[in-house]
Protein backbone atom coordinates (compact mmCIF):
# COMPACT_ATOMS: atom_id res chain seq x y z
CA MET A 1 0.00 0.00 0.00
CA PHE A 2 2.85 2.37 0.89
CA LEU A 3 4.77 1.84 -2.37
CA ASP A 4 1.60 1.92 -4.48
CA THR A 5 0.71 5.29 -3.01
CA LEU A 6 4.24 6.61 -3.68
CA ARG A 7 4.05 5.49 -7.31
CA LYS A 8 0.82 7.46 -7.82
CA LEU A 9 2.42 10.70 -6.60
CA PRO A 10 4.11 13.19 -8.95
CA PRO A 11 7.76 12.38 -9.66
CA TYR A 12 10.26 12.92 -6.86
CA PRO A 13 8.07 13.47 -3.80
CA LYS A 14 9.81 14.87 -0.73
CA VAL A 15 10.20 12.66 2.34
CA ARG A 16 8.90 15.47 4.55
CA GLN A 17 5.60 15.46 2.60
CA LEU A 18 4.87 11.83 3.45
CA SER A 19 3.41 12.57 6.88
CA THR A 20 0.77 14.81 5.25
CA ILE A 21 0.17 12.36 2.40
CA PHE A 22 -0.49 9.49 4.83
CA LYS A 23 -2.08 11.75 7.47
CA ASN A 24 -5.42 9.91 7.71
CA ILE A 25 -3.95 6.46 7.08
CA LEU A 26 -0.76 6.11 9.16
CA GLU A 27 0.81 7.80 12.15
CA PRO A 28 4.01 9.77 11.41
CA LEU A 29 6.13 7.25 13.36
CA LYS A 30 4.80 4.38 11.24
CA VAL A 31 5.48 6.34 8.06
CA HIS A 32 9.07 6.90 9.21
CA LEU A 33 9.57 3.23 10.14
CA ILE A 34 8.14 1.96 6.85
CA LEU A 35 10.24 4.43 4.91
CA LYS A 36 13.45 3.37 6.64
CA TYR A 37 12.61 -0.32 6.18
CA LEU A 38 11.96 0.14 2.45
CA GLU A 39 15.18 2.09 2.08
CA ARG A 40 17.24 -0.64 3.78
CA ASP A 41 15.40 -3.26 1.71
CA LYS A 42 16.43 -1.38 -1.47
CA SER A 43 12.76 -0.96 -2.39
CA LEU A 44 13.19 2.77 -2.76
CA GLU A 45 15.97 5.27 -3.15
CA ILE A 46 16.20 8.70 -1.53
CA ASP A 47 18.64 11.36 -2.76
CA LEU A 48 20.58 13.75 -0.54
CA ASP A 49 17.90 16.44 -0.90
CA GLY A 50 15.21 14.20 0.57
CA ASN A 51 13.49 13.32 -2.71
CA ILE A 52 12.26 9.79 -3.35
CA ILE A 53 13.86 9.24 -6.74
CA TRP A 54 13.10 5.55 -7.37
CA THR A 55 10.80 2.79 -6.13
CA ARG A 56 11.00 -0.90 -6.94
CA GLY A 57 8.68 -1.76 -9.79
CA GLN A 58 9.34 1.41 -11.78
CA GLU A 59 12.10 -0.05 -13.87
CA ASP A 60 11.40 -0.93 -17.49
CA ARG A 61 11.60 -4.70 -17.84
CA SER A 62 10.89 -4.74 -21.59
CA ASN A 63 14.60 -4.84 -22.51
CA THR A 64 17.70 -5.77 -20.60
CA PHE A 65 20.68 -3.46 -20.26
CA PHE A 66 22.56 -5.42 -22.92
CA GLU A 67 19.67 -5.16 -25.37
CA LYS A 68 19.57 -1.37 -24.97
CA ALA A 69 23.32 -0.72 -24.92
CA VAL A 70 25.38 0.26 -27.94
CA PHE A 71 28.78 -1.44 -27.85
CA THR A 72 31.93 -0.44 -29.70
CA GLN A 73 33.55 -2.96 -32.02
CA GLU A 74 36.55 -3.20 -29.66
CA PHE A 75 34.28 -4.13 -26.76
CA LYS A 76 32.52 -6.78 -28.85
CA GLU A 77 35.88 -8.30 -29.78
CA HIS A 78 36.96 -8.24 -26.12
CA ILE A 79 33.80 -10.13 -25.15
CA LYS A 80 34.34 -12.70 -27.92
CA GLU A 81 37.96 -13.28 -26.88
CA ARG A 82 37.02 -13.85 -23.25
CA LYS A 83 33.89 -15.89 -24.16
CA ILE A 84 31.66 -13.83 -21.86
CA ASP A 85 27.92 -14.50 -22.10
CA LEU A 86 26.03 -11.19 -22.11
CA SER A 87 22.59 -12.76 -22.35
CA SER A 88 22.46 -13.95 -18.74
CA ASN A 89 20.89 -11.84 -15.99
CA ASP A 90 23.90 -11.06 -13.88
CA ASP A 91 22.87 -9.13 -10.74
CA SER A 92 26.50 -8.41 -9.91
CA LEU A 93 26.53 -5.76 -12.66
CA GLN A 94 24.00 -3.55 -10.89
């Protein structure tokens, strides 16, 4: 419910606005605790100015990074020489 509400807000809501957004639903302490939990869980990202800049589920899953990327010929040759498989979903590249 918390993340769904954040996704419906305009882009980059401020953290300090959340207590007013959830005023009739959650107490300010609960909003703070949920926010900190989601941040530690990597379900959302907050920049240094206090803006929520990303929530899990917003990413475009239609193409992978390697399908969108434009590689130089030298890089392609490097990959061929080392026999690296770019089609696998490697989470270590994130």
